Amino acid sequence: MNNIVVATNFSPLSEKLIDLARVLSSTVYLLHVVLPNEDISYRDKKEIGQEFAEESSALNQQAQQFRDQGIETHALLLEGIATVAILEEADRLNADLIVLGGAGQSSSTLLGDDLVHKVVKQSQRAVLVLP
């Protein structure tokens, strides 16, 4: 397994996921999806910029957890509709596996049940869902 796409909502990463990536000698593409700017026009640019910077920092911190274990990791902050962005990026990267978390958590999480079900149903690639 060469490429693993891990969609994150910044929940704590599973040690088992890090172990899996290390054992398989995979490259990890850790991605987070933000809404397109036109969908959040009621907010000012400063607020959007600050949120983007915070999400970028959180994404890089999570990516560093993989890197600290010797796993080649790329952090990708994408703009778009989460389901579409995850599936398109997995195709672009020729991912062997898509990993999703957050199923069964509160509905306010980005990777809630609805997104997980859509990705699993629409994906042509293997999908691993973490609790």
C-alpha atoms as a PDB file:
ATOM      1  CA  MET A   1       0.000   0.000   0.000  1.00  0.00           C
ATOM      2  CA  ASN A   2       1.793   3.108  -1.206  1.00  0.00           C
ATOM      3  CA  ASN A   3      -0.561   6.051  -0.664  1.00  0.00           C
ATOM      4  CA  ILE A   4      -2.978   6.547   2.203  1.00  0.00           C
ATOM      5  CA  VAL A   5      -5.313   9.552   2.247  1.00  0.00           C
ATOM      6  CA  VAL A   6      -6.354  10.442   5.790  1.00  0.00           C
ATOM      7  CA  ALA A   7      -9.193  12.959   6.096  1.00  0.00           C
ATOM      8  CA  THR A   8      -9.045  14.757   9.424  1.00  0.00           C
ATOM      9  CA  ASN A   9     -11.275  16.969  11.522  1.00  0.00           C
ATOM     10  CA  PHE A  10      -8.389  17.343  13.982  1.00  0.00           C
ATOM     11  CA  SER A  11      -9.646  14.655  16.361  1.00  0.00           C
ATOM     12  CA  PRO A  12      -6.752  12.836  18.023  1.00  0.00           C
ATOM     13  CA  LEU A  13      -5.045  10.440  15.628  1.00  0.00           C
ATOM     14  CA  SER A  14      -5.233   6.760  16.372  1.00  0.00           C
ATOM     15  CA  GLU A  15      -1.902   5.160  17.267  1.00  0.00           C
ATOM     16  CA  LYS A  16      -3.071   2.135  15.265  1.00  0.00           C
ATOM     17  CA  LEU A  17      -3.346   4.328  12.166  1.00  0.00           C
ATOM     18  CA  ILE A  18       0.212   5.568  12.634  1.00  0.00           C
ATOM     19  CA  ASP A  19       1.362   1.971  13.188  1.00  0.00           C
ATOM     20  CA  LEU A  20      -0.466   0.837  10.026  1.00  0.00           C
ATOM     21  CA  ALA A  21       1.170   3.526   7.898  1.00  0.00           C
ATOM     22  CA  ARG A  22       4.590   2.667   9.302  1.00  0.00           C
ATOM     23  CA  VAL A  23       4.217  -1.117   8.849  1.00  0.00           C
ATOM     24  CA  LEU A  24       2.992  -0.680   5.266  1.00  0.00           C
ATOM     25  CA  SER A  25       5.753   1.842   4.473  1.00  0.00           C
ATOM     26  CA  SER A  26       3.065   4.127   3.088  1.00  0.00           C
ATOM     27  CA  THR A  27       3.108   7.773   2.184  1.00  0.00           C
ATOM     28  CA  VAL A  28       0.366   9.572   4.106  1.00  0.00           C
ATOM     29  CA  TYR A  29      -1.595  12.469   2.654  1.00  0.00           C
ATOM     30  CA  LEU A  30      -3.308  14.102   5.604  1.00  0.00           C
ATOM     31  CA  LEU A  31      -6.081  16.365   4.377  1.00  0.00           C
ATOM     32  CA  HIS A  32      -8.605  18.747   5.816  1.00  0.00           C
ATOM     33  CA  VAL A  33     -11.380  20.384   3.799  1.00  0.00           C
ATOM     34  CA  VAL A  34     -12.707  23.896   4.411  1.00  0.00           C
ATOM     35  CA  LEU A  35     -15.846  25.383   2.903  1.00  0.00           C
ATOM     36  CA  PRO A  36     -15.448  27.486  -0.234  1.00  0.00           C
ATOM     37  CA  ASN A  37     -15.247  31.231   0.469  1.00  0.00           C
ATOM     38  CA  GLU A  38     -18.502  31.904  -1.381  1.00  0.00           C
ATOM     39  CA  ASP A  39     -20.304  29.671   1.138  1.00  0.00           C
ATOM     40  CA  ILE A  40     -19.117  31.817   4.049  1.00  0.00           C
ATOM     41  CA  SER A  41     -19.566  35.316   2.608  1.00  0.00           C
ATOM     42  CA  TYR A  42     -21.200  36.604   5.783  1.00  0.00           C
ATOM     43  CA  ARG A  43     -17.813  36.471   7.549  1.00  0.00           C
ATOM     44  CA  ASP A  44     -15.101  39.057   7.126  1.00  0.00           C
ATOM     45  CA  LYS A  45     -11.804  38.326   5.404  1.00  0.00           C
ATOM     46  CA  LYS A  46      -9.760  38.777   8.582  1.00  0.00           C
ATOM     47  CA  GLU A  47     -11.817  36.142  10.406  1.00  0.00           C
ATOM     48  CA  ILE A  48     -11.553  33.737   7.459  1.00  0.00           C
ATOM     49  CA  GLY A  49      -7.795  34.308   7.220  1.00  0.00           C
ATOM     50  CA  GLN A  50      -7.324  33.675  10.938  1.00  0.00           C
ATOM     51  CA  GLU A  51      -9.375  30.475  10.791  1.00  0.00           C
ATOM     52  CA  PHE A  52      -7.424  29.296   7.746  1.00  0.00           C
ATOM     53  CA  ALA A  53      -4.127  29.908   9.576  1.00  0.00           C
ATOM     54  CA  GLU A  54      -5.365  27.992  12.642  1.00  0.00           C
ATOM     55  CA  GLU A  55      -6.535  25.044  10.547  1.00  0.00           C
ATOM     56  CA  SER A  56      -3.266  25.003   8.623  1.00  0.00           C
ATOM     57  CA  SER A  57      -1.314  24.958  11.890  1.00  0.00           C
ATOM     58  CA  ALA A  58      -3.455  22.147  13.337  1.00  0.00           C
ATOM     59  CA  LEU A  59      -3.059  20.142  10.129  1.00  0.00           C
ATOM     60  CA  ASN A  60       0.712  20.521  10.182  1.00  0.00           C
ATOM     61  CA  GLN A  61       0.825  19.508  13.856  1.00  0.00           C
ATOM     62  CA  GLN A  62      -1.041  16.291  13.058  1.00  0.00           C
ATOM     63  CA  ALA A  63       1.186  15.636  10.058  1.00  0.00           C
ATOM     64  CA  GLN A  64       4.206  16.001  12.326  1.00  0.00           C
ATOM     65  CA  GLN A  65       2.932  13.070  14.433  1.00  0.00           C
ATOM     66  CA  PHE A  66       3.393  10.826  11.388  1.00  0.00           C
ATOM     67  CA  ARG A  67       6.714  12.417  10.459  1.00  0.00           C
ATOM     68  CA  ASP A  68       8.011  11.872  14.000  1.00  0.00           C
ATOM     69  CA  GLN A  69       7.513   8.140  13.382  1.00  0.00           C
ATOM     70  CA  GLY A  70       9.507   8.256  10.142  1.00  0.00           C
ATOM     71  CA  ILE A  71       6.454   8.259   7.866  1.00  0.00           C
ATOM     72  CA  GLU A  72       6.559  10.424   4.733  1.00  0.00           C
ATOM     73  CA  THR A  73       3.597  12.745   5.200  1.00  0.00           C
ATOM     74  CA  HIS A  74       2.086  15.604   3.219  1.00  0.00           C
ATOM     75  CA  ALA A  75      -0.433  18.030   4.749  1.00  0.00           C
ATOM     76  CA  LEU A  76      -3.132  19.234   2.345  1.00  0.00           C
ATOM     77  CA  LEU A  77      -5.636  21.954   3.216  1.00  0.00           C
ATOM     78  CA  LEU A  78      -8.341  21.872   0.548  1.00  0.00           C
ATOM     79  CA  GLU A  79     -11.288  24.116  -0.211  1.00  0.00           C
ATOM     80  CA  GLY A  80     -14.578  22.603  -1.316  1.00  0.00           C
ATOM     81  CA  ILE A  81     -17.340  20.222  -0.397  1.00  0.00           C
ATOM     82  CA  ALA A  82     -15.785  17.588   1.868  1.00  0.00           C
ATOM     83  CA  THR A  83     -17.095  14.449   0.143  1.00  0.00           C
ATOM     84  CA  VAL A  84     -16.145  15.647  -3.332  1.00  0.00           C
ATOM     85  CA  ALA A  85     -12.756  16.989  -2.238  1.00  0.00           C
ATOM     86  CA  ILE A  86     -11.797  13.770  -0.440  1.00  0.00           C
ATOM     87  CA  LEU A  87     -12.779  11.552  -3.361  1.00  0.00           C
ATOM     88  CA  GLU A  88     -11.156  13.774  -6.002  1.00  0.00           C
ATOM     89  CA  GLU A  89      -7.919  14.055  -4.028  1.00  0.00           C
ATOM     90  CA  ALA A  90      -7.828  10.289  -3.470  1.00  0.00           C
ATOM     91  CA  ASP A  91      -8.186   9.801  -7.228  1.00  0.00           C
ATOM     92  CA  ARG A  92      -5.556  12.437  -8.028  1.00  0.00           C
ATOM     93  CA  LEU A  93      -3.095  10.794  -5.632  1.00  0.00           C
ATOM     94  CA  ASN A  94      -3.997   7.279  -6.772  1.00  0.00           C
ATOM     95  CA  ALA A  95      -4.665   6.397  -3.138  1.00  0.00           C
ATOM     96  CA  ASP A  96      -4.682   2.772  -2.108  1.00  0.00           C
ATOM     97  CA  LEU A  97      -6.741   3.565   0.994  1.00  0.00           C
ATOM     98  CA  ILE A  98      -8.914   6.394   2.314  1.00  0.00           C
ATOM     99  CA  VAL A  99      -9.083   6.662   6.104  1.00  0.00           C
ATOM    100  CA  LEU A 100     -11.955   8.505   7.775  1.00  0.00           C
ATOM    101  CA  GLY A 101     -12.654   9.138  11.428  1.00  0.00           C
ATOM    102  CA  GLY A 102     -15.427  10.705  13.396  1.00  0.00           C
ATOM    103  CA  ALA A 103     -18.290   8.322  12.641  1.00  0.00           C
ATOM    104  CA  GLY A 104     -20.620   8.142  15.579  1.00  0.00           C
ATOM    105  CA  GLN A 105     -19.382  11.381  17.148  1.00  0.00           C
ATOM    106  CA  SER A 106     -21.483  14.496  17.487  1.00  0.00           C
ATOM    107  CA  SER A 107     -23.127  15.760  14.328  1.00  0.00           C
ATOM    108  CA  SER A 108     -21.073  18.940  14.549  1.00  0.00           C
ATOM    109  CA  THR A 109     -17.895  17.152  13.492  1.00  0.00           C
ATOM    110  CA  LEU A 110     -16.795  17.524   9.884  1.00  0.00           C
ATOM    111  CA  LEU A 111     -16.348  13.793   9.519  1.00  0.00           C
ATOM    112  CA  GLY A 112     -19.761  12.891  10.876  1.00  0.00           C
ATOM    113  CA  ASP A 113     -21.873   9.916   9.874  1.00  0.00           C
ATOM    114  CA  ASP A 114     -23.319  11.543   6.734  1.00  0.00           C
ATOM    115  CA  LEU A 115     -19.927  12.333   5.207  1.00  0.00           C
ATOM    116  CA  VAL A 116     -18.556   8.900   6.102  1.00  0.00           C
ATOM    117  CA  HIS A 117     -21.530   7.159   4.476  1.00  0.00           C
ATOM    118  CA  LYS A 118     -21.231   9.270   1.320  1.00  0.00           C
ATOM    119  CA  VAL A 119     -17.511   8.601   0.925  1.00  0.00           C
ATOM    120  CA  VAL A 120     -17.922   4.865   1.537  1.00  0.00           C
ATOM    121  CA  LYS A 121     -20.820   4.653  -0.920  1.00  0.00           C
ATOM    122  CA  GLN A 122     -19.227   6.761  -3.682  1.00  0.00           C
ATOM    123  CA  SER A 123     -15.601   5.680  -3.431  1.00  0.00           C
ATOM    124  CA  GLN A 124     -14.015   3.320  -5.920  1.00  0.00           C
ATOM    125  CA  ARG A 125     -11.161   2.857  -3.434  1.00  0.00           C
ATOM    126  CA  ALA A 126     -10.837   0.980  -0.165  1.00  0.00           C
ATOM    127  CA  VAL A 127     -12.115   3.003   2.803  1.00  0.00           C
ATOM    128  CA  LEU A 128     -11.200   2.415   6.448  1.00  0.00           C
ATOM    129  CA  VAL A 129     -13.528   4.027   9.000  1.00  0.00           C
ATOM    130  CA  LEU A 130     -12.111   4.645  12.462  1.00  0.00           C
ATOM    131  CA  PRO A 131     -14.365   5.134  15.488  1.00  0.00           C
END
